Protein backbone atom coordinates (compact mmCIF):
# COMPACT_ATOMS: atom_id res chain seq x y z
CA UNK A 1 93.44 2.14 41.44
CA UNK A 2 93.72 5.67 40.44
CA UNK A 3 97.66 6.68 40.08
CA UNK A 4 98.72 9.90 39.30
CA UNK A 5 100.44 11.19 36.90
CA UNK A 6 103.45 11.49 38.51
CA UNK A 7 102.77 7.50 39.57
CA UNK A 8 102.25 6.83 35.90
CA UNK A 9 105.59 8.39 34.34
CA UNK A 10 107.50 6.68 37.55
CA UNK A 11 105.81 3.36 36.29
CA UNK A 12 106.45 4.11 33.03
CA UNK A 13 109.87 5.33 34.37
CA UNK A 14 111.18 2.13 36.03
CA UNK A 15 109.81 0.31 32.79
CA UNK A 16 112.29 1.70 30.92
CA UNK A 17 114.99 1.30 33.97
CA UNK A 18 117.74 -0.55 32.15
CA UNK A 19 116.99 1.42 28.31
CA UNK A 20 118.86 4.08 28.69
CA UNK A 21 118.36 6.28 25.51
CA UNK A 22 114.75 5.60 26.01
CA UNK A 23 115.31 7.40 29.36
CA UNK A 24 116.80 10.32 27.78
CA UNK A 25 114.23 9.86 25.55
CA UNK A 26 112.01 10.84 27.82
CA UNK A 27 113.32 13.56 29.76
CA UNK A 28 112.73 16.03 26.76
CA UNK A 29 109.05 15.55 27.63
CA UNK A 30 108.37 17.61 30.62
CA UNK A 31 109.73 18.43 34.33
CA UNK A 32 108.13 15.52 35.84
CA UNK A 33 110.03 13.08 33.08
CA UNK A 34 112.86 14.80 33.36
CA UNK A 35 113.11 14.85 36.77
CA UNK A 36 111.71 10.73 37.37
CA UNK A 37 113.91 9.59 34.81
CA UNK A 38 117.22 11.41 35.76
CA UNK A 39 116.98 9.83 39.15
CA UNK A 40 117.21 6.23 37.63
CA UNK A 41 120.00 8.06 34.92
CA UNK A 42 121.67 9.24 37.65
CA UNK A 43 121.72 5.77 40.20
CA UNK A 44 125.06 4.86 38.45
CA UNK A 45 126.88 6.53 36.06
CA UNK A 46 129.83 5.60 35.98
CA UNK A 47 128.63 1.62 34.77
CA UNK A 48 130.40 0.96 31.82
CA UNK A 49 128.07 -1.07 29.04
CA UNK A 50 125.24 0.67 30.44
CA UNK A 51 126.28 3.88 27.99
CA UNK A 52 127.59 4.56 25.33
CA UNK A 53 131.38 6.39 24.26
CA UNK A 54 129.52 10.29 23.37
CA UNK A 55 127.97 10.17 26.73
CA UNK A 56 131.19 9.89 28.57
CA UNK A 57 132.40 12.09 28.31
CA UNK A 58 129.17 14.27 29.42
CA UNK A 59 128.99 12.03 32.99
CA UNK A 60 132.14 13.79 33.98
CA UNK A 61 131.40 17.15 32.67
CA UNK A 62 128.51 17.71 34.97
CA UNK A 63 130.13 15.71 37.56
CA UNK A 64 132.71 18.29 37.89
CA UNK A 65 129.64 21.00 37.23
CA UNK A 66 129.86 20.84 41.06
CA UNK A 67 133.24 21.15 41.60
CA UNK A 68 134.39 24.19 43.32
CA UNK A 69 137.32 26.50 41.94
CA UNK A 70 140.45 24.72 43.93
CA UNK A 71 138.55 21.54 42.48
CA UNK A 72 138.02 23.35 39.17
CA UNK A 73 141.93 24.43 38.68
CA UNK A 74 143.57 21.01 40.11
CA UNK A 75 141.15 19.49 36.95
CA UNK A 76 142.03 21.87 34.33
CA UNK A 77 146.01 21.20 35.31
CA UNK A 78 145.89 17.53 34.30
CA UNK A 79 143.85 18.23 31.63
CA UNK A 80 146.40 20.58 29.93
CA UNK A 81 148.81 18.04 29.99
CA UNK A 82 147.04 16.15 27.66
CA UNK A 83 145.48 18.20 25.84
CA UNK A 84 146.30 21.98 23.60
CA UNK A 85 142.52 24.02 24.60
CA UNK A 86 141.85 26.90 27.19
CA UNK A 87 140.35 24.13 29.12
CA UNK A 88 137.80 21.53 28.98
CA UNK A 89 135.43 21.66 31.65
CA UNK A 90 132.43 23.57 31.04
CA UNK A 91 131.81 26.76 32.26
CA UNK A 92 128.84 27.35 35.02
CA UNK A 93 126.48 29.87 34.49
CA UNK A 94 124.48 28.61 37.60
CA UNK A 95 124.36 25.85 39.97
CA UNK A 96 123.26 22.59 38.56
CA UNK A 97 119.44 21.84 37.12
CA UNK A 98 119.19 19.14 39.65
CA UNK A 99 121.41 17.33 42.57
CA UNK A 100 122.32 15.14 39.96
CA UNK A 101 125.15 13.35 42.72
CA UNK A 102 122.30 12.78 45.25
CA UNK A 103 120.17 10.21 42.96
CA UNK A 104 123.70 8.21 42.73
CA UNK A 105 122.89 4.99 44.78
CA UNK A 106 125.87 2.61 42.96
CA UNK A 107 129.27 4.32 43.59
CA UNK A 108 131.97 2.60 40.64
CA UNK A 109 135.27 3.07 41.51
CA UNK A 110 136.61 0.78 38.81
CA UNK A 111 134.59 1.92 36.00
CA UNK A 112 134.77 5.73 36.95
CA UNK A 113 138.15 5.07 35.82
CA UNK A 114 138.06 3.98 32.17
CA UNK A 115 135.56 6.32 31.78
CA UNK A 116 138.64 8.72 32.84
CA UNK A 117 141.00 6.93 30.09
CA UNK A 118 138.61 7.28 27.57
CA UNK A 119 137.89 10.96 28.53
CA UNK A 120 141.81 11.11 28.19
CA UNK A 121 142.65 9.12 25.21
CA UNK A 122 139.90 11.59 24.02
CA UNK A 123 142.08 14.03 23.98
CA UNK A 124 145.29 12.91 23.20
CA UNK A 125 144.73 9.55 21.43
CA UNK A 126 148.44 9.45 21.40
CA UNK A 127 149.11 9.08 24.62
CA UNK A 128 148.49 6.09 27.10
CA UNK A 129 147.96 7.17 30.79
CA UNK A 130 147.33 3.07 32.11
CA UNK A 131 150.88 3.13 31.07
CA UNK A 132 152.64 7.17 31.10
CA UNK A 133 150.59 9.09 33.55
CA UNK A 134 148.70 7.04 35.59
CA UNK A 135 148.93 9.46 38.07
CA UNK A 136 147.05 11.64 36.37
CA UNK A 137 143.86 9.15 35.91
CA UNK A 138 143.93 8.58 39.98
CA UNK A 139 144.09 12.71 40.62
CA UNK A 140 141.39 13.42 38.44
CA UNK A 141 139.47 9.51 39.68
CA UNK A 142 140.25 11.09 43.26
CA UNK A 143 138.17 14.61 42.34
CA UNK A 144 135.21 13.09 41.53
CA UNK A 145 135.20 10.66 44.23
CA UNK A 146 134.82 13.10 46.41
CA UNK A 147 133.04 15.16 44.18
CA UNK A 148 129.62 12.17 44.79
CA UNK A 149 130.95 11.45 48.71
CA UNK A 150 130.48 14.98 49.42
CA UNK A 151 126.66 15.11 47.63
CA UNK A 152 125.25 12.14 47.90
CA UNK A 153 123.50 10.33 51.08
CA UNK A 154 122.31 7.60 49.50
CA UNK A 155 124.73 5.54 48.00
CA UNK A 156 124.09 1.73 49.22
CA UNK A 157 126.91 -0.26 46.49
CA UNK A 158 130.32 0.13 45.86
CA UNK A 159 132.82 -1.69 43.28
CA UNK A 160 136.38 -1.38 44.32
CA UNK A 161 137.30 -3.48 41.99
CA UNK A 162 140.36 -2.44 39.77
CA UNK A 163 143.35 -4.24 37.97
CA UNK A 164 146.14 -2.03 39.31
CA UNK A 165 147.69 -0.80 42.49
CA UNK A 166 145.30 2.07 44.11
CA UNK A 167 146.50 2.62 47.40
CA UNK A 168 145.67 6.60 47.83
CA UNK A 169 141.90 6.90 47.72
CA UNK A 170 140.54 5.40 50.65
CA UNK A 171 136.50 6.78 49.87
CA UNK A 172 135.75 5.98 53.76
CA UNK A 173 137.63 9.03 55.20
CA UNK A 174 136.64 11.31 53.34
CA UNK A 175 134.68 15.28 54.21
CA UNK A 176 130.47 13.61 54.68
CA UNK A 177 131.67 9.72 53.96
CA UNK A 178 129.93 8.65 57.62
CA UNK A 179 126.08 10.74 55.32
CA UNK A 180 127.39 9.73 52.14
CA UNK A 181 127.53 5.74 53.01
CA UNK A 182 125.03 5.28 56.31
CA UNK A 183 122.97 3.32 53.90
CA UNK A 184 125.45 1.52 52.44
CA UNK A 185 124.71 -2.69 51.84
CA UNK A 186 127.05 -4.42 49.30
CA UNK A 187 130.92 -3.93 49.55
CA UNK A 188 133.46 -5.26 46.30
CA UNK A 189 137.08 -4.89 47.23
CA UNK A 190 138.91 -7.17 44.45
CA UNK A 191 142.02 -6.48 42.87
CA UNK A 192 145.46 -6.71 43.51
CA UNK A 193 145.94 -3.81 45.46
CA UNK A 194 145.98 -4.04 49.97
CA UNK A 195 142.60 -3.69 51.14
CA UNK A 196 143.88 -3.28 55.15
CA UNK A 197 143.69 -0.10 55.35
CA UNK A 198 140.16 0.77 53.46
CA UNK A 199 138.96 -2.35 55.69
CA UNK A 200 140.08 -0.64 58.55
CA UNK A 201 137.77 2.13 57.62
CA UNK A 202 134.93 0.47 56.39
CA UNK A 203 135.24 -1.11 59.68
CA UNK A 204 134.91 2.17 62.40
CA UNK A 205 132.12 3.37 60.05
CA UNK A 206 129.58 0.70 58.70
CA UNK A 207 126.92 -2.31 60.63
CA UNK A 208 124.33 -2.95 57.95
CA UNK A 209 126.11 -4.28 55.32
CA UNK A 210 123.97 -7.30 53.93
CA UNK A 211 126.58 -8.37 51.20
CA UNK A 212 130.17 -8.24 51.19
CA UNK A 213 132.42 -9.71 48.16
CA UNK A 214 136.56 -9.27 48.40
CA UNK A 215 139.81 -10.79 47.37
CA UNK A 216 142.33 -10.62 50.56
CA UNK A 217 145.92 -9.20 50.30
CA UNK A 218 148.38 -8.83 52.83
CA UNK A 219 147.09 -9.74 56.27
CA UNK A 220 144.16 -8.09 55.66
CA UNK A 221 141.99 -10.97 56.77
CA UNK A 222 142.48 -9.30 60.45
CA UNK A 223 140.93 -6.35 59.22
CA UNK A 224 137.82 -7.90 57.44
CA UNK A 225 137.59 -10.29 60.35
CA UNK A 226 136.64 -7.45 62.69
CA UNK A 227 134.36 -5.23 60.36
CA UNK A 228 132.52 -8.38 59.35
CA UNK A 229 132.25 -9.15 62.79
CA UNK A 230 130.32 -5.72 63.13
CA UNK A 231 127.44 -6.48 60.63
CA UNK A 232 123.96 -6.84 62.00
CA UNK A 233 122.51 -7.48 58.47
CA UNK A 234 125.36 -9.94 56.59
CA UNK A 235 123.57 -11.79 54.53
CA UNK A 236 126.57 -12.97 52.61
CA UNK A 237 130.39 -13.30 52.27
CA UNK A 238 132.43 -14.08 49.19
CA UNK A 239 136.43 -14.20 50.15
CA UNK A 240 139.07 -14.62 47.77
CA UNK A 241 142.98 -15.13 48.24
CA UNK A 242 142.67 -16.36 52.17
CA UNK A 243 145.09 -18.67 54.17
CA UNK A 244 144.06 -21.16 56.72
CA UNK A 245 144.39 -18.84 59.75
CA UNK A 246 142.83 -15.76 57.84
CA UNK A 247 139.55 -18.18 57.42
CA UNK A 248 139.78 -19.10 60.72
CA UNK A 249 139.80 -15.66 61.89
CA UNK A 250 136.35 -14.64 59.28
CA UNK A 251 135.37 -18.06 60.95
CA UNK A 252 135.77 -16.79 64.01
CA UNK A 253 134.17 -13.32 63.56
CA UNK A 254 131.26 -14.65 61.83
CA UNK A 255 129.84 -16.99 64.98
CA UNK A 256 130.23 -14.21 67.14
CA UNK A 257 128.51 -11.72 64.49
CA UNK A 258 124.95 -11.24 65.12
CA UNK A 259 124.68 -11.91 61.00
CA UNK A 260 123.08 -14.60 60.11
CA UNK A 261 124.80 -16.08 56.24
CA UNK A 262 122.38 -17.70 54.19
């Protein structure tokens, strides 16, 4: 079988998909290589451990290139409390070279928060936003999440695993959420915070989840049961923190659902 150049490059890029540095090197070969490698590099841009700390700031800055003037002003106001520089944001001379945010398949909110922590810590190592100004980190995270959701249409995995209380961010109610999450297959919601509102909005939006992993808090089981019952392709369900009554509700939802859990 004869493969075209683009197909050959795609095979090479897929083979190198776990080697981030090799993909960055591939970007330098030509335009075709740059485009195909960029798609892989941006599948999960906030995945901690897959990139070096040197690239953390570069990724966040590139995401913010898609921000409008209002969002940029809000980010600048936050960063001014951490840095004495005039602005930490890149100057926009034009639109980004590629629609990077549309390449994103996994939105890792926890990983994003860790990257933001590294960014703020780089600006001022004497401060710790986790203890002193947690709100700043969450505000930055919300701006970046909004940008991803507004520009993406193919997210298939979301990770809300958080080690802290995070009630104010509900991705499923953001503008363009219906388009952005129409292919969502996997959702992870863990951490010590109530997921009732998040699950309720997911229940209105999602029908084709294949994998659900949730740690439940107060009264979360009712909304989870509704979400489970609506799914048409559910393959696995992993739950922790569920009481006897909640377990009965979810089992009943599975019985009423057309999904088959393997």
